[in-house]
Amino acid sequence: MKTPSHSILRIALILASFAVLAACTQEHRVRIDPELYVRSQNFGQGQRIGLKVTDRRKQNAIYNEEMGPKTAVVGALNKVNIYPKGTVDDPIEEQIKEALTTLGYVPVDEKQKADRTMEVQILQLRMLYSYEDPKIKIPEKKVRLHAALGVVAQKGERKFKKLYKTHLDKSQNLLTGEVKNEQFINDGLSMTLQKIFEDRALLLFLSPEG
C-alpha cells in the first residue's frame, strides 16, 4: 500500500519532469520532400501547360509552442518550433512537374506561352494538438496535421478552382525528434498532392478533349 508521502513524491517527480520540458524550447528543421505516384500515360498528348506553385501560408512555422496546449501547473507543453528547411513550394513544384510529365504534358514556366495553366497554392501546412478536454492538466498527446492546397486551372476563358485538404492524426510527442515530425508532415503533403492527381474532374478539364 502506498503511503501519502509516496504519492506526493510521485506527483512532485511528474511535475518536475514537465517543468524541465516546459523550460526548454527545441527547434526542428524538417526537409519537405513529398511523394506522388502517377501512372504513366499519354493523357496530355504533348500539350504545354504553364505551371506555378505559390506559398500563401501566413507564417513559415509548421508548429510553434504557441500552438500547443497550456497547463495550469507548468504552462505550455511541448515547447518546440518546427520550420521547413528551405522553401516549401520548390519541392512541391518538382513533384507536380514530374507528375504532369508522366501524364504526357509538357510543363513550362507560367510566363511562357501555353494553352492551359495550373496554379497550385499552398494555403496551409501546420500541426496542432488535438485533445478531448482542454481543462485537464495533462492532455492526450495527439497531433493533427492540417494540409491544404488550392488549385486554379485555366483553359481559354474557362476556369477550374478547387481546394484539396488533408487532416492527419497521430499520437506522438512533438519532442521525439525531427525524423518523426518530418515523416508525418511529408505524409500529409503526399496525401494532399495525391488527391489532386486522382481528381478526374481536374484531369478532364486539363485534357485536350476537356
N, C-alpha and C. Protein backbone atom coordinates (compact mmCIF):
# COMPACT_ATOMS: atom_id res chain seq x y z
N MET A 1 0.85 -1.20 0.00
CA MET A 1 0.00 0.00 0.00
C MET A 1 0.89 1.25 0.00
N LYS A 2 0.54 2.16 -0.88
CA LYS A 2 1.34 3.37 -0.98
C LYS A 2 0.95 4.35 0.11
N THR A 3 1.94 4.95 0.71
CA THR A 3 1.70 5.95 1.74
C THR A 3 1.46 7.30 1.08
N PRO A 4 0.83 8.24 1.79
CA PRO A 4 0.62 9.59 1.23
C PRO A 4 1.92 10.25 0.81
N SER A 5 3.00 9.96 1.54
CA SER A 5 4.28 10.59 1.19
C SER A 5 4.80 10.09 -0.15
N HIS A 6 4.56 8.76 -0.42
CA HIS A 6 4.97 8.21 -1.71
C HIS A 6 4.18 8.85 -2.85
N SER A 7 2.90 9.05 -2.65
CA SER A 7 2.05 9.66 -3.68
C SER A 7 2.48 11.09 -3.95
N ILE A 8 2.79 11.81 -2.88
CA ILE A 8 3.22 13.21 -3.04
C ILE A 8 4.54 13.27 -3.80
N LEU A 9 5.46 12.33 -3.45
CA LEU A 9 6.76 12.30 -4.12
C LEU A 9 6.60 12.00 -5.60
N ARG A 10 5.71 11.06 -5.92
CA ARG A 10 5.49 10.69 -7.33
C ARG A 10 4.94 11.86 -8.12
N ILE A 11 3.96 12.55 -7.54
CA ILE A 11 3.38 13.72 -8.21
C ILE A 11 4.44 14.80 -8.41
N ALA A 12 5.28 14.98 -7.40
CA ALA A 12 6.33 16.00 -7.49
C ALA A 12 7.31 15.68 -8.62
N LEU A 13 7.67 14.38 -8.76
CA LEU A 13 8.59 13.99 -9.83
C LEU A 13 7.97 14.20 -11.21
N ILE A 14 6.68 13.88 -11.34
CA ILE A 14 5.99 14.09 -12.62
C ILE A 14 5.96 15.56 -12.99
N LEU A 15 5.61 16.39 -12.01
CA LEU A 15 5.55 17.83 -12.27
C LEU A 15 6.94 18.39 -12.58
N ALA A 16 7.95 17.85 -11.91
CA ALA A 16 9.31 18.32 -12.17
C ALA A 16 9.74 18.00 -13.59
N SER A 17 9.37 16.78 -14.07
CA SER A 17 9.73 16.41 -15.44
C SER A 17 9.05 17.29 -16.45
N PHE A 18 7.80 17.62 -16.22
CA PHE A 18 7.09 18.52 -17.13
C PHE A 18 7.67 19.93 -17.07
N ALA A 19 8.12 20.33 -15.89
CA ALA A 19 8.71 21.67 -15.76
C ALA A 19 10.00 21.76 -16.57
N VAL A 20 10.79 20.67 -16.57
CA VAL A 20 12.02 20.66 -17.37
C VAL A 20 11.70 20.77 -18.85
N LEU A 21 10.68 20.01 -19.31
CA LEU A 21 10.28 20.08 -20.72
C LEU A 21 9.79 21.47 -21.08
N ALA A 22 9.02 22.07 -20.16
CA ALA A 22 8.44 23.39 -20.45
C ALA A 22 9.51 24.46 -20.52
N ALA A 23 10.62 24.24 -19.80
CA ALA A 23 11.66 25.26 -19.74
C ALA A 23 12.53 25.27 -20.98
N CYS A 24 12.55 24.18 -21.74
CA CYS A 24 13.44 24.06 -22.89
C CYS A 24 12.64 24.10 -24.19
N THR A 25 13.05 24.94 -25.08
CA THR A 25 12.42 25.00 -26.39
C THR A 25 13.36 24.41 -27.43
N GLN A 26 12.88 23.39 -28.14
CA GLN A 26 13.66 22.77 -29.19
C GLN A 26 13.25 23.34 -30.54
N GLU A 27 14.16 23.32 -31.49
CA GLU A 27 13.86 23.76 -32.84
C GLU A 27 14.16 22.64 -33.82
N HIS A 28 13.15 22.27 -34.59
CA HIS A 28 13.31 21.21 -35.58
C HIS A 28 13.23 21.81 -36.98
N ARG A 29 14.16 21.44 -37.82
CA ARG A 29 14.16 21.85 -39.22
C ARG A 29 13.89 20.61 -40.07
N VAL A 30 12.73 20.57 -40.70
CA VAL A 30 12.33 19.37 -41.44
C VAL A 30 12.46 19.61 -42.94
N ARG A 31 12.86 18.56 -43.64
CA ARG A 31 13.02 18.63 -45.10
C ARG A 31 11.69 18.30 -45.76
N ILE A 32 11.18 19.23 -46.56
CA ILE A 32 9.93 19.00 -47.27
C ILE A 32 10.23 18.16 -48.51
N ASP A 33 9.71 16.94 -48.51
CA ASP A 33 10.00 16.01 -49.60
C ASP A 33 8.82 15.06 -49.79
N PRO A 34 7.69 15.58 -50.31
CA PRO A 34 6.51 14.72 -50.50
C PRO A 34 6.71 13.76 -51.67
N GLU A 35 5.89 12.72 -51.70
CA GLU A 35 5.94 11.75 -52.78
C GLU A 35 4.61 11.75 -53.51
N LEU A 36 4.67 11.49 -54.81
CA LEU A 36 3.47 11.48 -55.65
C LEU A 36 3.59 10.36 -56.66
N TYR A 37 2.58 9.52 -56.71
CA TYR A 37 2.60 8.37 -57.61
C TYR A 37 1.54 8.54 -58.70
N VAL A 38 1.99 8.59 -59.95
CA VAL A 38 1.10 8.76 -61.09
C VAL A 38 1.47 7.72 -62.13
N ARG A 39 0.48 7.04 -62.65
CA ARG A 39 0.74 6.01 -63.68
C ARG A 39 1.04 6.67 -65.02
N SER A 40 2.08 6.20 -65.69
CA SER A 40 2.49 6.77 -66.96
C SER A 40 1.44 6.54 -68.04
N GLN A 41 1.03 7.63 -68.69
CA GLN A 41 0.08 7.56 -69.79
C GLN A 41 0.11 8.87 -70.58
N ASN A 42 -0.33 8.82 -71.82
CA ASN A 42 -0.29 9.99 -72.69
C ASN A 42 -1.60 10.78 -72.58
N PHE A 43 -1.94 11.14 -71.36
CA PHE A 43 -3.19 11.85 -71.12
C PHE A 43 -3.15 13.26 -71.71
N GLY A 44 -1.98 13.91 -71.61
CA GLY A 44 -1.88 15.29 -72.07
C GLY A 44 -1.54 15.44 -73.53
N GLN A 45 -1.13 14.34 -74.20
CA GLN A 45 -0.85 14.36 -75.64
C GLN A 45 0.14 15.45 -76.04
N GLY A 46 1.13 15.69 -75.20
CA GLY A 46 2.18 16.65 -75.52
C GLY A 46 1.78 18.11 -75.38
N GLN A 47 0.64 18.39 -74.78
CA GLN A 47 0.19 19.77 -74.61
C GLN A 47 1.04 20.50 -73.57
N ARG A 48 1.36 21.76 -73.86
CA ARG A 48 2.10 22.59 -72.92
C ARG A 48 1.15 23.10 -71.82
N ILE A 49 1.66 23.13 -70.61
CA ILE A 49 0.86 23.63 -69.51
C ILE A 49 1.73 24.54 -68.64
N GLY A 50 1.28 25.77 -68.46
CA GLY A 50 2.01 26.72 -67.63
C GLY A 50 1.77 26.42 -66.16
N LEU A 51 2.86 26.16 -65.42
CA LEU A 51 2.74 25.74 -64.02
C LEU A 51 3.30 26.81 -63.08
N LYS A 52 2.57 27.03 -62.00
CA LYS A 52 3.02 27.96 -60.97
C LYS A 52 2.62 27.41 -59.61
N VAL A 53 3.58 27.38 -58.68
CA VAL A 53 3.30 26.96 -57.31
C VAL A 53 3.65 28.11 -56.39
N THR A 54 2.71 28.54 -55.59
CA THR A 54 2.90 29.69 -54.71
C THR A 54 2.63 29.30 -53.26
N ASP A 55 3.47 29.80 -52.37
CA ASP A 55 3.31 29.56 -50.94
C ASP A 55 2.54 30.74 -50.34
N ARG A 56 1.30 30.51 -49.97
CA ARG A 56 0.44 31.57 -49.44
C ARG A 56 0.16 31.39 -47.94
N ARG A 57 0.96 30.62 -47.28
CA ARG A 57 0.78 30.45 -45.84
C ARG A 57 1.08 31.77 -45.12
N LYS A 58 0.39 32.00 -44.03
CA LYS A 58 0.55 33.24 -43.29
C LYS A 58 1.82 33.25 -42.44
N GLN A 59 2.33 32.08 -42.09
CA GLN A 59 3.56 32.01 -41.31
C GLN A 59 4.37 30.81 -41.75
N ASN A 60 5.69 30.93 -41.60
CA ASN A 60 6.58 29.87 -42.06
C ASN A 60 6.61 28.69 -41.11
N ALA A 61 6.33 28.92 -39.83
CA ALA A 61 6.37 27.85 -38.84
C ALA A 61 5.28 26.82 -39.12
N ILE A 62 5.67 25.55 -39.10
CA ILE A 62 4.68 24.48 -39.22
C ILE A 62 4.09 24.20 -37.85
N TYR A 63 4.88 24.40 -36.83
CA TYR A 63 4.40 24.30 -35.45
C TYR A 63 5.28 25.19 -34.59
N ASN A 64 4.69 25.86 -33.62
CA ASN A 64 5.47 26.52 -32.60
C ASN A 64 4.75 26.41 -31.26
N GLU A 65 5.44 26.73 -30.21
CA GLU A 65 4.92 26.45 -28.87
C GLU A 65 3.61 27.17 -28.59
N GLU A 66 3.34 28.28 -29.27
CA GLU A 66 2.08 28.99 -29.04
C GLU A 66 0.88 28.18 -29.51
N MET A 67 1.10 27.24 -30.46
CA MET A 67 0.00 26.43 -30.99
C MET A 67 -0.38 25.28 -30.06
N GLY A 68 0.49 24.97 -29.09
CA GLY A 68 0.27 23.81 -28.24
C GLY A 68 -0.65 24.09 -27.07
N PRO A 69 -1.00 23.04 -26.32
CA PRO A 69 -1.88 23.19 -25.16
C PRO A 69 -1.15 23.82 -24.00
N LYS A 70 -1.89 24.42 -23.11
CA LYS A 70 -1.34 25.04 -21.91
C LYS A 70 -1.86 24.29 -20.69
N THR A 71 -1.06 24.24 -19.65
CA THR A 71 -1.48 23.62 -18.41
C THR A 71 -1.41 24.65 -17.29
N ALA A 72 -2.24 24.42 -16.29
CA ALA A 72 -2.29 25.36 -15.18
C ALA A 72 -1.01 25.31 -14.34
N VAL A 73 -0.32 24.17 -14.37
CA VAL A 73 0.83 23.98 -13.49
C VAL A 73 2.14 24.44 -14.13
N VAL A 74 2.42 23.95 -15.36
CA VAL A 74 3.73 24.23 -15.97
C VAL A 74 3.62 25.08 -17.24
N GLY A 75 2.45 25.58 -17.53
CA GLY A 75 2.30 26.43 -18.71
C GLY A 75 2.25 25.62 -19.99
N ALA A 76 2.92 26.10 -21.04
CA ALA A 76 2.86 25.44 -22.35
C ALA A 76 3.61 24.11 -22.34
N LEU A 77 2.97 23.09 -22.92
CA LEU A 77 3.62 21.80 -23.09
C LEU A 77 4.25 21.74 -24.47
N ASN A 78 5.22 20.83 -24.63
CA ASN A 78 5.88 20.62 -25.92
C ASN A 78 6.40 21.92 -26.52
N LYS A 79 7.35 22.51 -25.85
CA LYS A 79 7.95 23.74 -26.36
C LYS A 79 8.90 23.38 -27.50
N VAL A 80 8.35 23.38 -28.70
CA VAL A 80 9.14 23.03 -29.87
C VAL A 80 8.68 23.90 -31.03
N ASN A 81 9.62 24.34 -31.82
CA ASN A 81 9.32 25.08 -33.04
C ASN A 81 9.76 24.23 -34.23
N ILE A 82 8.86 24.07 -35.19
CA ILE A 82 9.15 23.25 -36.37
C ILE A 82 9.07 24.13 -37.61
N TYR A 83 10.17 24.22 -38.33
CA TYR A 83 10.25 25.02 -39.54
C TYR A 83 10.72 24.15 -40.71
N PRO A 84 10.33 24.50 -41.93
CA PRO A 84 10.85 23.76 -43.08
C PRO A 84 12.28 24.17 -43.40
N LYS A 85 13.06 23.20 -43.89
CA LYS A 85 14.38 23.53 -44.42
C LYS A 85 14.19 24.10 -45.82
N GLY A 86 14.63 25.31 -46.04
CA GLY A 86 14.46 25.91 -47.36
C GLY A 86 13.00 26.25 -47.62
N THR A 87 12.63 26.25 -48.89
CA THR A 87 11.29 26.62 -49.29
C THR A 87 10.36 25.41 -49.26
N VAL A 88 9.06 25.68 -49.22
CA VAL A 88 8.05 24.62 -49.29
C VAL A 88 7.57 24.44 -50.72
N ASP A 89 7.51 25.54 -51.49
CA ASP A 89 6.94 25.47 -52.84
C ASP A 89 7.84 24.75 -53.85
N ASP A 90 9.15 24.88 -53.73
CA ASP A 90 10.04 24.27 -54.72
C ASP A 90 9.93 22.74 -54.78
N PRO A 91 10.03 22.03 -53.64
CA PRO A 91 9.89 20.57 -53.74
C PRO A 91 8.51 20.11 -54.19
N ILE A 92 7.48 20.86 -53.84
CA ILE A 92 6.13 20.52 -54.31
C ILE A 92 6.03 20.73 -55.81
N GLU A 93 6.62 21.82 -56.30
CA GLU A 93 6.60 22.09 -57.74
C GLU A 93 7.32 21.00 -58.53
N GLU A 94 8.42 20.51 -57.98
CA GLU A 94 9.17 19.44 -58.66
C GLU A 94 8.32 18.18 -58.79
N GLN A 95 7.59 17.85 -57.74
CA GLN A 95 6.74 16.67 -57.78
C GLN A 95 5.61 16.83 -58.80
N ILE A 96 5.04 18.03 -58.87
CA ILE A 96 3.94 18.28 -59.81
C ILE A 96 4.45 18.25 -61.24
N LYS A 97 5.63 18.81 -61.48
CA LYS A 97 6.23 18.76 -62.82
C LYS A 97 6.41 17.32 -63.28
N GLU A 98 6.95 16.50 -62.39
CA GLU A 98 7.17 15.10 -62.74
C GLU A 98 5.85 14.39 -63.02
N ALA A 99 4.83 14.70 -62.23
CA ALA A 99 3.52 14.07 -62.43
C ALA A 99 2.91 14.48 -63.76
N LEU A 100 2.97 15.77 -64.09
CA LEU A 100 2.42 16.24 -65.36
C LEU A 100 3.16 15.64 -66.54
N THR A 101 4.49 15.53 -66.43
CA THR A 101 5.28 14.91 -67.49
C THR A 101 4.90 13.45 -67.67
N THR A 102 4.69 12.76 -66.55
CA THR A 102 4.29 11.36 -66.60
C THR A 102 2.93 11.19 -67.27
N LEU A 103 2.08 12.20 -67.13
CA LEU A 103 0.74 12.16 -67.74
C LEU A 103 0.75 12.62 -69.20
N GLY A 104 1.92 12.97 -69.72
CA GLY A 104 2.00 13.33 -71.13
C GLY A 104 1.94 14.81 -71.43
N TYR A 105 2.03 15.67 -70.39
CA TYR A 105 2.06 17.11 -70.60
C TYR A 105 3.50 17.61 -70.68
N VAL A 106 3.64 18.83 -71.13
CA VAL A 106 4.95 19.50 -71.14
C VAL A 106 4.83 20.72 -70.23
N PRO A 107 5.20 20.58 -68.95
CA PRO A 107 5.10 21.72 -68.03
C PRO A 107 6.14 22.79 -68.35
N VAL A 108 5.70 24.03 -68.40
CA VAL A 108 6.60 25.16 -68.67
C VAL A 108 6.34 26.23 -67.62
N ASP A 109 7.22 27.20 -67.58
CA ASP A 109 7.02 28.33 -66.68
C ASP A 109 5.74 29.07 -67.04
N GLU A 110 5.04 29.56 -66.04
CA GLU A 110 3.75 30.21 -66.27
C GLU A 110 3.84 31.39 -67.24
N LYS A 111 5.01 32.02 -67.35
CA LYS A 111 5.17 33.18 -68.22
C LYS A 111 5.31 32.79 -69.69
N GLN A 112 5.59 31.52 -69.93
CA GLN A 112 5.72 31.07 -71.31
C GLN A 112 4.34 30.79 -71.90
N LYS A 113 4.28 30.84 -73.20
CA LYS A 113 3.00 30.65 -73.88
C LYS A 113 2.54 29.20 -73.74
N ALA A 114 1.29 29.05 -73.29
CA ALA A 114 0.71 27.72 -73.14
C ALA A 114 -0.80 27.84 -73.25
N ASP A 115 -1.44 26.80 -73.76
CA ASP A 115 -2.89 26.81 -73.94
C ASP A 115 -3.63 26.69 -72.62
N ARG A 116 -2.98 26.16 -71.63
CA ARG A 116 -3.62 25.98 -70.33
C ARG A 116 -2.62 26.27 -69.22
N THR A 117 -3.11 26.69 -68.07
CA THR A 117 -2.25 26.99 -66.93
C THR A 117 -2.79 26.28 -65.69
N MET A 118 -1.89 26.05 -64.75
CA MET A 118 -2.27 25.41 -63.49
C MET A 118 -1.47 26.05 -62.37
N GLU A 119 -2.18 26.68 -61.45
CA GLU A 119 -1.53 27.27 -60.28
C GLU A 119 -1.93 26.45 -59.05
N VAL A 120 -0.92 26.05 -58.30
CA VAL A 120 -1.16 25.32 -57.05
C VAL A 120 -0.75 26.24 -55.90
N GLN A 121 -1.68 26.52 -55.02
CA GLN A 121 -1.44 27.44 -53.90
C GLN A 121 -1.32 26.64 -52.60
N ILE A 122 -0.21 26.83 -51.91
CA ILE A 122 -0.02 26.19 -50.60
C ILE A 122 -0.69 27.10 -49.56
N LEU A 123 -1.83 26.68 -49.08
CA LEU A 123 -2.63 27.52 -48.20
C LEU A 123 -2.43 27.21 -46.73
N GLN A 124 -2.15 25.96 -46.42
CA GLN A 124 -1.99 25.59 -45.01
C GLN A 124 -1.07 24.38 -44.88
N LEU A 125 -0.19 24.45 -43.92
CA LEU A 125 0.67 23.33 -43.55
C LEU A 125 1.11 23.57 -42.12
N ARG A 126 0.35 23.01 -41.20
CA ARG A 126 0.70 23.21 -39.80
C ARG A 126 0.17 22.08 -38.93
N MET A 127 0.81 21.94 -37.78
CA MET A 127 0.46 20.89 -36.83
C MET A 127 -0.14 21.53 -35.59
N LEU A 128 -1.21 20.92 -35.10
CA LEU A 128 -1.86 21.40 -33.89
C LEU A 128 -2.12 20.23 -32.95
N TYR A 129 -2.16 20.52 -31.67
CA TYR A 129 -2.53 19.49 -30.72
C TYR A 129 -4.04 19.30 -30.72
N SER A 130 -4.45 18.04 -30.65
CA SER A 130 -5.86 17.70 -30.56
C SER A 130 -6.07 16.86 -29.31
N TYR A 131 -6.93 17.32 -28.42
CA TYR A 131 -7.17 16.57 -27.19
C TYR A 131 -8.62 16.77 -26.78
N GLU A 132 -9.13 15.82 -25.99
CA GLU A 132 -10.56 15.78 -25.71
C GLU A 132 -11.03 16.89 -24.78
N ASP A 133 -10.30 17.10 -23.70
CA ASP A 133 -10.75 18.05 -22.69
C ASP A 133 -9.64 19.05 -22.40
N PRO A 134 -9.81 20.31 -22.82
CA PRO A 134 -8.75 21.31 -22.60
C PRO A 134 -8.56 21.67 -21.12
N LYS A 135 -9.45 21.21 -20.22
CA LYS A 135 -9.34 21.55 -18.80
C LYS A 135 -8.42 20.60 -18.04
N ILE A 136 -8.12 19.44 -18.63
CA ILE A 136 -7.28 18.50 -17.91
C ILE A 136 -5.83 19.00 -17.89
N LYS A 137 -5.10 18.62 -16.86
CA LYS A 137 -3.75 19.15 -16.68
C LYS A 137 -2.75 18.56 -17.67
N ILE A 138 -2.93 17.27 -18.01
CA ILE A 138 -2.01 16.62 -18.93
C ILE A 138 -2.82 16.10 -20.12
N PRO A 139 -2.96 16.88 -21.18
CA PRO A 139 -3.78 16.46 -22.33
C PRO A 139 -3.20 15.25 -23.05
N GLU A 140 -4.06 14.57 -23.78
CA GLU A 140 -3.62 13.45 -24.60
C GLU A 140 -2.63 13.93 -25.66
N LYS A 141 -1.58 13.19 -25.86
CA LYS A 141 -0.54 13.58 -26.82
C LYS A 141 -0.95 13.15 -28.22
N LYS A 142 -1.85 13.91 -28.81
CA LYS A 142 -2.32 13.59 -30.15
C LYS A 142 -2.16 14.82 -31.03
N VAL A 143 -1.45 14.63 -32.15
CA VAL A 143 -1.15 15.75 -33.03
C VAL A 143 -1.97 15.63 -34.31
N ARG A 144 -2.48 16.74 -34.78
CA ARG A 144 -3.21 16.76 -36.05
C ARG A 144 -2.47 17.67 -37.03
N LEU A 145 -2.23 17.14 -38.22
CA LEU A 145 -1.61 17.91 -39.29
C LEU A 145 -2.70 18.41 -40.23
N HIS A 146 -2.68 19.70 -40.50
CA HIS A 146 -3.60 20.31 -41.46
C HIS A 146 -2.81 20.70 -42.71
N ALA A 147 -3.17 20.12 -43.84
CA ALA A 147 -2.55 20.48 -45.12
C ALA A 147 -3.64 20.85 -46.10
N ALA A 148 -3.47 21.97 -46.78
CA ALA A 148 -4.47 22.42 -47.74
C ALA A 148 -3.78 23.03 -48.96
N LEU A 149 -4.15 22.54 -50.13
CA LEU A 149 -3.62 23.04 -51.40
C LEU A 149 -4.79 23.47 -52.28
N GLY A 150 -4.71 24.67 -52.81
CA GLY A 150 -5.73 25.15 -53.73
C GLY A 150 -5.22 25.07 -55.16
N VAL A 151 -6.10 24.69 -56.07
CA VAL A 151 -5.74 24.59 -57.49
C VAL A 151 -6.62 25.53 -58.29
N VAL A 152 -5.96 26.35 -59.11
CA VAL A 152 -6.67 27.22 -60.05
C VAL A 152 -6.12 26.91 -61.44
N ALA A 153 -6.93 26.28 -62.25
CA ALA A 153 -6.53 25.94 -63.63
C ALA A 153 -7.34 26.76 -64.61
N GLN A 154 -6.73 27.11 -65.72
CA GLN A 154 -7.42 27.92 -66.72
C GLN A 154 -7.11 27.40 -68.12
N LYS A 155 -8.14 27.38 -68.93
CA LYS A 155 -8.01 26.98 -70.33
C LYS A 155 -8.93 27.88 -71.15
N GLY A 156 -8.32 28.81 -71.88
CA GLY A 156 -9.13 29.81 -72.58
C GLY A 156 -9.85 30.70 -71.58
N GLU A 157 -11.14 30.82 -71.71
CA GLU A 157 -11.94 31.62 -70.78
C GLU A 157 -12.47 30.79 -69.62
N ARG A 158 -12.22 29.51 -69.64
CA ARG A 158 -12.76 28.62 -68.61
C ARG A 158 -11.78 28.47 -67.45
N LYS A 159 -12.33 28.35 -66.24
CA LYS A 159 -11.51 28.19 -65.04
C LYS A 159 -12.00 27.02 -64.21
N PHE A 160 -11.05 26.43 -63.52
CA PHE A 160 -11.34 25.33 -62.62
C PHE A 160 -10.70 25.68 -61.28
N LYS A 161 -11.50 25.71 -60.21
CA LYS A 161 -10.98 26.02 -58.88
C LYS A 161 -11.44 24.94 -57.89
N LYS A 162 -10.50 24.51 -57.06
CA LYS A 162 -10.87 23.51 -56.06
C LYS A 162 -9.86 23.50 -54.93
N LEU A 163 -10.34 23.19 -53.72
CA LEU A 163 -9.50 23.10 -52.54
C LEU A 163 -9.34 21.62 -52.17
N TYR A 164 -8.10 21.21 -51.92
CA TYR A 164 -7.80 19.84 -51.53
C TYR A 164 -7.19 19.86 -50.13
N LYS A 165 -7.81 19.13 -49.20
CA LYS A 165 -7.39 19.19 -47.80
C LYS A 165 -7.11 17.79 -47.24
N THR A 166 -6.22 17.75 -46.27
CA THR A 166 -5.94 16.52 -45.55
C THR A 166 -5.78 16.84 -44.07
N HIS A 167 -6.46 16.06 -43.24
CA HIS A 167 -6.27 16.11 -41.79
C HIS A 167 -5.69 14.77 -41.37
N LEU A 168 -4.50 14.79 -40.84
CA LEU A 168 -3.82 13.55 -40.48
C LEU A 168 -3.52 13.56 -38.99
N ASP A 169 -4.01 12.53 -38.28
CA ASP A 169 -3.83 12.45 -36.83
C ASP A 169 -2.81 11.39 -36.48
N LYS A 170 -2.07 11.66 -35.41
CA LYS A 170 -1.11 10.69 -34.92
C LYS A 170 -0.82 10.96 -33.45
N SER A 171 -0.82 9.90 -32.66
CA SER A 171 -0.48 10.04 -31.25
C SER A 171 1.03 10.03 -31.13
N GLN A 172 1.58 11.16 -30.79
CA GLN A 172 3.03 11.26 -30.66
C GLN A 172 3.39 12.49 -29.85
N ASN A 173 4.60 12.50 -29.36
CA ASN A 173 5.13 13.64 -28.66
C ASN A 173 5.98 14.44 -29.64
N LEU A 174 5.71 15.72 -29.77
CA LEU A 174 6.43 16.55 -30.74
C LEU A 174 7.93 16.64 -30.44
N LEU A 175 8.29 16.35 -29.20
CA LEU A 175 9.70 16.45 -28.84
C LEU A 175 10.48 15.18 -29.17
N THR A 176 9.85 14.19 -29.80
CA THR A 176 10.53 12.93 -30.08
C THR A 176 11.65 13.08 -31.11
N GLY A 177 11.64 14.14 -31.90
CA GLY A 177 12.74 14.35 -32.83
C GLY A 177 12.29 14.76 -34.21
N GLU A 178 13.25 15.25 -34.99
CA GLU A 178 12.95 15.78 -36.32
C GLU A 178 12.47 14.71 -37.29
N VAL A 179 13.03 13.51 -37.20
CA VAL A 179 12.74 12.47 -38.20
C VAL A 179 11.25 12.11 -38.21
N LYS A 180 10.68 11.87 -37.03
CA LYS A 180 9.26 11.51 -36.96
C LYS A 180 8.37 12.66 -37.41
N ASN A 181 8.71 13.86 -37.00
CA ASN A 181 7.93 15.02 -37.42
C ASN A 181 8.02 15.23 -38.93
N GLU A 182 9.22 15.06 -39.48
CA GLU A 182 9.42 15.22 -40.91
C GLU A 182 8.60 14.21 -41.70
N GLN A 183 8.61 12.97 -41.28
CA GLN A 183 7.85 11.93 -41.97
C GLN A 183 6.36 12.21 -41.89
N PHE A 184 5.89 12.62 -40.73
CA PHE A 184 4.47 12.92 -40.51
C PHE A 184 4.01 14.05 -41.43
N ILE A 185 4.80 15.12 -41.53
CA ILE A 185 4.46 16.27 -42.36
C ILE A 185 4.44 15.88 -43.83
N ASN A 186 5.46 15.15 -44.28
CA ASN A 186 5.51 14.75 -45.69
C ASN A 186 4.42 13.75 -46.06
N ASP A 187 4.01 12.92 -45.10
CA ASP A 187 2.89 12.02 -45.35
C ASP A 187 1.62 12.81 -45.65
N GLY A 188 1.37 13.84 -44.87
CA GLY A 188 0.18 14.67 -45.09
C GLY A 188 0.22 15.40 -46.41
N LEU A 189 1.39 15.94 -46.76
CA LEU A 189 1.53 16.63 -48.05
C LEU A 189 1.37 15.67 -49.22
N SER A 190 1.93 14.48 -49.08
CA SER A 190 1.82 13.48 -50.15
C SER A 190 0.37 13.09 -50.38
N MET A 191 -0.37 12.91 -49.32
CA MET A 191 -1.78 12.54 -49.44
C MET A 191 -2.57 13.64 -50.14
N THR A 192 -2.25 14.90 -49.84
CA THR A 192 -2.96 16.02 -50.45
C THR A 192 -2.64 16.13 -51.94
N LEU A 193 -1.37 15.98 -52.29
CA LEU A 193 -0.97 16.01 -53.70
C LEU A 193 -1.62 14.86 -54.47
N GLN A 194 -1.71 13.70 -53.82
CA GLN A 194 -2.31 12.54 -54.46
C GLN A 194 -3.78 12.80 -54.79
N LYS A 195 -4.47 13.51 -53.89
CA LYS A 195 -5.87 13.83 -54.12
C LYS A 195 -6.03 14.68 -55.38
N ILE A 196 -5.08 15.60 -55.62
CA ILE A 196 -5.16 16.46 -56.80
C ILE A 196 -5.09 15.62 -58.07
N PHE A 197 -4.12 14.71 -58.11
CA PHE A 197 -3.91 13.96 -59.35
C PHE A 197 -4.78 12.71 -59.45
N GLU A 198 -5.64 12.50 -58.49
CA GLU A 198 -6.66 11.47 -58.61
C GLU A 198 -8.04 12.06 -58.87
N ASP A 199 -8.08 13.38 -59.03
CA ASP A 199 -9.35 14.07 -59.29
C ASP A 199 -9.64 14.02 -60.79
N ARG A 200 -10.56 13.18 -61.18
CA ARG A 200 -10.87 13.01 -62.60
C ARG A 200 -11.43 14.29 -63.22
N ALA A 201 -12.13 15.09 -62.43
CA ALA A 201 -12.70 16.34 -62.96
C ALA A 201 -11.59 17.30 -63.38
N LEU A 202 -10.54 17.39 -62.57
CA LEU A 202 -9.41 18.26 -62.91
C LEU A 202 -8.66 17.72 -64.11
N LEU A 203 -8.41 16.42 -64.14
CA LEU A 203 -7.68 15.83 -65.25
C LEU A 203 -8.46 15.99 -66.56
N LEU A 204 -9.77 15.85 -66.48
CA LEU A 204 -10.58 16.04 -67.69
C LEU A 204 -10.54 17.49 -68.15
N PHE A 205 -10.56 18.43 -67.21
CA PHE A 205 -10.50 19.84 -67.56
C PHE A 205 -9.19 20.16 -68.28
N LEU A 206 -8.09 19.61 -67.79
CA LEU A 206 -6.76 19.89 -68.37
C LEU A 206 -6.51 19.16 -69.68
N SER A 207 -7.27 18.11 -69.93
CA SER A 207 -7.00 17.29 -71.11
C SER A 207 -7.39 18.02 -72.41
N PRO A 208 -6.80 17.64 -73.53
CA PRO A 208 -7.14 18.26 -74.81
C PRO A 208 -8.61 18.08 -75.17
N GLU A 209 -9.23 17.00 -74.69
CA GLU A 209 -10.63 16.74 -75.03
C GLU A 209 -11.60 17.44 -74.09
N GLY A 210 -11.09 17.95 -72.96
CA GLY A 210 -11.97 18.51 -71.94
C GLY A 210 -12.55 19.85 -72.32
